[in-house]
Amino acid sequence: MNNQEILEKAIQKAIDGGFPQAGDLLPFELVKNRVGTYLIHSERDGWASVEGLIFNHDFAKAIWGEQKIDKVVKDEAGIKTYYGPHSGWQYHLQQMVITDDPIKYLGDHLD
């Protein structure tokens, strides 16, 4: 999936999960500005920041919910990091913040 498709799927999942404000963004065009950040342009809502949307707590709650996650992650150096117990939305939001490509992370964890 490309970034446009990932965001369309995420927005629809957020709407289905109880975040109706995201519906104002559909349909939209994804635009990359000169500094390399993405913006959403929709006829109904105008311009919106992709980061402002995907890092919004209510948006994340609608996608991943409150189910608790306990997770131990081992990095390339063998160092283990314990995450938990956090709500699913908190865990995924933390992971999106530290990843190099938060839109790709979002797409990989929508299902």
Protein backbone atom coordinates (compact mmCIF):
# COMPACT_ATOMS: atom_id res chain seq x y z
CA MET A 1 0.00 0.00 0.00
CA ASN A 2 1.17 3.53 -0.66
CA ASN A 3 0.86 6.35 1.90
CA GLN A 4 -2.44 7.59 0.46
CA GLU A 5 -3.99 4.11 0.74
CA ILE A 6 -2.63 3.61 4.27
CA LEU A 7 -4.12 6.88 5.45
CA GLU A 8 -7.47 6.19 3.74
CA LYS A 9 -7.65 2.81 5.48
CA ALA A 10 -6.59 4.29 8.83
CA ILE A 11 -9.12 7.11 8.60
CA GLN A 12 -11.92 4.66 7.78
CA LYS A 13 -10.88 2.41 10.68
CA ALA A 14 -10.87 5.43 13.01
CA ILE A 15 -14.34 6.41 11.85
CA ASP A 16 -15.56 2.84 12.39
CA GLY A 17 -13.87 2.88 15.82
CA GLY A 18 -15.76 5.95 16.98
CA PHE A 19 -13.75 8.94 15.73
CA PRO A 20 -16.32 10.53 13.41
CA GLN A 21 -14.38 13.80 12.96
CA ALA A 22 -12.04 11.94 10.60
CA GLY A 23 -14.94 11.63 8.16
CA ASP A 24 -14.50 15.29 7.25
CA LEU A 25 -11.16 14.38 5.69
CA LEU A 26 -12.57 11.95 3.13
CA PRO A 27 -11.96 12.08 0.23
CA PHE A 28 -8.53 13.72 0.37
CA GLU A 29 -5.32 14.30 -1.53
CA LEU A 30 -1.99 13.61 0.16
CA VAL A 31 0.56 16.37 -0.48
CA LYS A 32 4.24 16.44 0.50
CA ASN A 33 5.46 19.96 1.21
CA ARG A 34 8.94 21.43 0.58
CA VAL A 35 10.29 20.41 4.00
CA GLY A 36 9.23 16.80 3.46
CA THR A 37 6.19 16.57 5.73
CA TYR A 38 2.81 15.38 4.54
CA LEU A 39 -0.43 17.33 4.49
CA ILE A 40 -3.94 16.18 3.77
CA HIS A 41 -6.12 18.35 1.58
CA SER A 42 -9.84 17.67 1.51
CA GLU A 43 -12.66 19.67 0.02
CA ARG A 44 -14.67 19.45 3.25
CA ASP A 45 -11.96 20.21 5.82
CA GLY A 46 -9.24 22.08 3.92
CA TRP A 47 -5.65 21.42 4.96
CA ALA A 48 -4.64 19.16 7.84
CA SER A 49 -1.31 17.90 9.13
CA VAL A 50 -0.80 14.15 8.79
CA GLU A 51 1.29 14.15 11.97
CA GLY A 52 -1.44 16.07 13.80
CA LEU A 53 -3.90 13.38 12.79
CA ILE A 54 -1.93 10.17 13.30
CA PHE A 55 -0.47 11.26 16.65
CA ASN A 56 -3.87 12.36 17.97
CA HIS A 57 -4.79 10.29 21.04
CA ASP A 58 -8.46 9.97 20.11
CA PHE A 59 -7.53 8.87 16.59
CA ALA A 60 -5.16 6.21 18.00
CA LYS A 61 -7.79 5.04 20.53
CA ALA A 62 -10.31 4.58 17.72
CA ILE A 63 -7.84 2.46 15.74
CA TRP A 64 -6.19 0.32 18.42
CA GLY A 65 -8.50 0.51 21.44
CA GLU A 66 -7.86 0.01 25.13
CA GLN A 67 -6.85 -3.67 25.18
CA LYS A 68 -3.68 -4.01 27.27
CA ILE A 69 -0.39 -4.96 25.65
CA ASP A 70 2.58 -6.43 27.49
CA LYS A 71 5.56 -6.77 25.18
CA VAL A 72 9.30 -7.37 25.38
CA VAL A 73 11.26 -6.27 22.34
CA LYS A 74 14.89 -7.23 21.65
CA ASP A 75 16.90 -4.88 19.43
CA GLU A 76 19.83 -5.73 17.11
CA ALA A 77 22.30 -5.49 20.02
CA GLY A 78 20.28 -7.98 22.05
CA ILE A 79 19.02 -5.38 24.50
CA LYS A 80 15.52 -6.13 25.75
CA THR A 81 12.98 -3.37 26.33
CA TYR A 82 9.78 -4.00 28.24
CA TYR A 83 6.63 -2.20 27.10
CA GLY A 84 3.63 -2.58 29.28
CA PRO A 85 1.18 -2.88 30.43
CA HIS A 86 -0.14 -0.15 28.18
CA SER A 87 -3.35 0.22 26.29
CA GLY A 88 -3.00 -0.86 22.68
CA TRP A 89 -3.34 2.69 21.45
CA GLN A 90 -0.60 3.92 23.82
CA TYR A 91 1.82 1.20 22.77
CA HIS A 92 1.30 1.76 19.05
CA LEU A 93 1.49 5.54 19.45
CA GLN A 94 4.85 5.17 21.25
CA GLN A 95 6.13 2.93 18.47
CA MET A 96 5.00 5.38 15.77
CA VAL A 97 6.84 8.21 17.52
CA ILE A 98 10.18 6.37 17.54
CA THR A 99 10.01 4.81 14.08
CA ASP A 100 11.60 6.39 11.03
CA ASP A 101 8.40 6.10 8.99
CA PRO A 102 5.25 6.48 11.12
CA ILE A 103 2.91 6.15 8.13
CA LYS A 104 4.47 2.79 7.21
CA TYR A 105 4.21 1.68 10.85
CA LEU A 106 0.55 2.69 10.83
CA GLY A 107 -0.05 0.66 7.68
CA ASP A 108 1.73 -2.38 9.09
CA HIS A 109 -0.41 -2.35 12.25
CA LEU A 110 -3.93 -1.55 11.10
CA ASP A 111 -5.18 -5.13 11.22
